Amino acid sequence: MVVLAHLKTQETDGKPDARHAWKVRLIKALYTRGMAAEQLRQLFRFIDWLMDLPGTFAEDFWQEIRHYEEEKHMPFMTTPERLGMEKGLAVGRQEGR
């Protein structure tokens, strides 16, 4: 999976649409492999870092993965991560961001 992510990152250089599609495909494949949660998180983070997406592509990617997680009842984020994100969003709303 790591080698494939690296190859697809090189192949999609300058092609955000194609990179987005491959990143979604690779991350969804992680969920179907039946690996331990921590291993899944580590691979997810690595692929997310490696296959960086610009602006709205990154937002679209995250929305698509969140929808997939909800649909499959497979949350990626740990409870502390989710609570931290919710707290950050609440602070941002209060500050008008």
C-alpha atoms as a PDB file:
ATOM      1  CA  MET A   1       0.000   0.000   0.000  1.00  0.00           C
ATOM      2  CA  VAL A   2       2.857   2.376   0.819  1.00  0.00           C
ATOM      3  CA  VAL A   3       4.620   1.688  -2.480  1.00  0.00           C
ATOM      4  CA  LEU A   4       1.385   2.099  -4.435  1.00  0.00           C
ATOM      5  CA  ALA A   5       0.683   5.411  -2.672  1.00  0.00           C
ATOM      6  CA  HIS A   6       4.192   6.602  -3.549  1.00  0.00           C
ATOM      7  CA  LEU A   7       3.848   5.587  -7.204  1.00  0.00           C
ATOM      8  CA  LYS A   8       0.422   7.210  -7.528  1.00  0.00           C
ATOM      9  CA  THR A   9       1.739  10.382  -5.893  1.00  0.00           C
ATOM     10  CA  GLN A  10       4.433  10.606  -8.547  1.00  0.00           C
ATOM     11  CA  GLU A  11       2.001   9.726 -11.338  1.00  0.00           C
ATOM     12  CA  THR A  12      -0.516  12.381 -10.289  1.00  0.00           C
ATOM     13  CA  ASP A  13       1.941  15.252  -9.790  1.00  0.00           C
ATOM     14  CA  GLY A  14       0.168  18.370 -11.060  1.00  0.00           C
ATOM     15  CA  LYS A  15      -3.115  16.488 -11.518  1.00  0.00           C
ATOM     16  CA  PRO A  16      -5.202  17.199  -8.398  1.00  0.00           C
ATOM     17  CA  ASP A  17      -8.326  15.479  -9.775  1.00  0.00           C
ATOM     18  CA  ALA A  18      -6.450  12.242 -10.380  1.00  0.00           C
ATOM     19  CA  ARG A  19      -4.605  12.461  -7.055  1.00  0.00           C
ATOM     20  CA  HIS A  20      -7.875  13.016  -5.213  1.00  0.00           C
ATOM     21  CA  ALA A  21      -9.415   9.961  -6.863  1.00  0.00           C
ATOM     22  CA  TRP A  22      -6.424   7.754  -6.035  1.00  0.00           C
ATOM     23  CA  LYS A  23      -6.178   9.025  -2.473  1.00  0.00           C
ATOM     24  CA  VAL A  24      -9.835   8.207  -1.842  1.00  0.00           C
ATOM     25  CA  ARG A  25      -9.400   4.786  -3.438  1.00  0.00           C
ATOM     26  CA  LEU A  26      -6.326   3.959  -1.336  1.00  0.00           C
ATOM     27  CA  ILE A  27      -7.829   5.152   1.938  1.00  0.00           C
ATOM     28  CA  LYS A  28     -11.047   3.215   1.352  1.00  0.00           C
ATOM     29  CA  ALA A  29      -8.936   0.136   0.627  1.00  0.00           C
ATOM     30  CA  LEU A  30      -7.304   0.504   4.043  1.00  0.00           C
ATOM     31  CA  TYR A  31     -10.687   0.104   5.717  1.00  0.00           C
ATOM     32  CA  THR A  32     -11.365  -3.183   3.946  1.00  0.00           C
ATOM     33  CA  ARG A  33      -8.099  -4.863   4.910  1.00  0.00           C
ATOM     34  CA  GLY A  34      -9.130  -5.782   8.460  1.00  0.00           C
ATOM     35  CA  MET A  35      -6.032  -4.335  10.083  1.00  0.00           C
ATOM     36  CA  ALA A  36      -5.667  -3.123  13.653  1.00  0.00           C
ATOM     37  CA  ALA A  37      -6.994   0.386  14.315  1.00  0.00           C
ATOM     38  CA  GLU A  38      -3.578   1.840  15.161  1.00  0.00           C
ATOM     39  CA  GLN A  39      -2.014   0.405  12.016  1.00  0.00           C
ATOM     40  CA  LEU A  40      -4.899   1.850   9.981  1.00  0.00           C
ATOM     41  CA  ARG A  41      -4.378   5.275  11.583  1.00  0.00           C
ATOM     42  CA  GLN A  42      -0.638   5.221  10.871  1.00  0.00           C
ATOM     43  CA  LEU A  43      -1.096   4.254   7.225  1.00  0.00           C
ATOM     44  CA  PHE A  44      -3.913   6.785   6.825  1.00  0.00           C
ATOM     45  CA  ARG A  45      -1.703   9.555   8.207  1.00  0.00           C
ATOM     46  CA  PHE A  46       1.207   8.563   5.984  1.00  0.00           C
ATOM     47  CA  ILE A  47      -0.903   8.461   2.818  1.00  0.00           C
ATOM     48  CA  ASP A  48      -2.601  11.721   3.794  1.00  0.00           C
ATOM     49  CA  TRP A  49       0.795  13.374   4.196  1.00  0.00           C
ATOM     50  CA  LEU A  50       2.264  11.840   1.046  1.00  0.00           C
ATOM     51  CA  MET A  51      -0.667  12.569  -1.251  1.00  0.00           C
ATOM     52  CA  ASP A  52      -1.173  16.191  -0.283  1.00  0.00           C
ATOM     53  CA  LEU A  53      -4.142  17.865  -1.965  1.00  0.00           C
ATOM     54  CA  PRO A  54      -4.708  21.578  -2.577  1.00  0.00           C
ATOM     55  CA  GLY A  55      -7.551  23.538  -0.944  1.00  0.00           C
ATOM     56  CA  THR A  56     -10.972  22.353  -1.979  1.00  0.00           C
ATOM     57  CA  PHE A  57      -9.652  18.962  -3.084  1.00  0.00           C
ATOM     58  CA  ALA A  58      -8.511  18.341   0.500  1.00  0.00           C
ATOM     59  CA  GLU A  59     -11.898  19.420   1.841  1.00  0.00           C
ATOM     60  CA  ASP A  60     -13.727  17.216  -0.669  1.00  0.00           C
ATOM     61  CA  PHE A  61     -11.478  14.285   0.224  1.00  0.00           C
ATOM     62  CA  TRP A  62     -12.206  14.615   3.927  1.00  0.00           C
ATOM     63  CA  GLN A  63     -15.965  14.917   3.340  1.00  0.00           C
ATOM     64  CA  GLU A  64     -15.954  11.827   1.134  1.00  0.00           C
ATOM     65  CA  ILE A  65     -13.997   9.799   3.691  1.00  0.00           C
ATOM     66  CA  ARG A  66     -16.212  10.956   6.570  1.00  0.00           C
ATOM     67  CA  HIS A  67     -19.292   9.964   4.566  1.00  0.00           C
ATOM     68  CA  TYR A  68     -17.731   6.561   3.827  1.00  0.00           C
ATOM     69  CA  GLU A  69     -16.901   6.054   7.520  1.00  0.00           C
ATOM     70  CA  GLU A  70     -20.440   6.925   8.558  1.00  0.00           C
ATOM     71  CA  GLU A  71     -21.904   4.681   5.885  1.00  0.00           C
ATOM     72  CA  LYS A  72     -19.718   1.748   6.936  1.00  0.00           C
ATOM     73  CA  HIS A  73     -19.777   2.581  10.663  1.00  0.00           C
ATOM     74  CA  MET A  74     -15.972   2.729  10.679  1.00  0.00           C
ATOM     75  CA  PRO A  75     -14.771   5.873  12.458  1.00  0.00           C
ATOM     76  CA  PHE A  76     -11.134   6.757  11.826  1.00  0.00           C
ATOM     77  CA  MET A  77     -10.724   9.419  14.460  1.00  0.00           C
ATOM     78  CA  THR A  78     -10.212   8.517  18.065  1.00  0.00           C
ATOM     79  CA  THR A  79     -12.537  10.075  20.625  1.00  0.00           C
ATOM     80  CA  PRO A  80      -9.896  12.571  21.857  1.00  0.00           C
ATOM     81  CA  GLU A  81      -9.171  13.613  18.254  1.00  0.00           C
ATOM     82  CA  ARG A  82     -12.864  14.078  17.513  1.00  0.00           C
ATOM     83  CA  LEU A  83     -13.441  16.069  20.725  1.00  0.00           C
ATOM     84  CA  GLY A  84     -10.432  18.268  19.979  1.00  0.00           C
ATOM     85  CA  MET A  85     -11.738  18.983  16.503  1.00  0.00           C
ATOM     86  CA  GLU A  86     -15.188  19.834  17.835  1.00  0.00           C
ATOM     87  CA  LYS A  87     -13.663  22.151  20.446  1.00  0.00           C
ATOM     88  CA  GLY A  88     -11.557  23.879  17.769  1.00  0.00           C
ATOM     89  CA  LEU A  89     -14.621  24.348  15.565  1.00  0.00           C
ATOM     90  CA  ALA A  90     -16.561  25.842  18.486  1.00  0.00           C
ATOM     91  CA  VAL A  91     -13.743  28.305  19.235  1.00  0.00           C
ATOM     92  CA  GLY A  92     -13.549  29.250  15.557  1.00  0.00           C
ATOM     93  CA  ARG A  93     -17.292  29.923  15.453  1.00  0.00           C
ATOM     94  CA  GLN A  94     -17.067  32.117  18.543  1.00  0.00           C
ATOM     95  CA  GLU A  95     -14.283  34.131  16.948  1.00  0.00           C
ATOM     96  CA  GLY A  96     -16.318  34.484  13.745  1.00  0.00           C
ATOM     97  CA  ARG A  97     -14.119  32.348  11.500  1.00  0.00           C
END
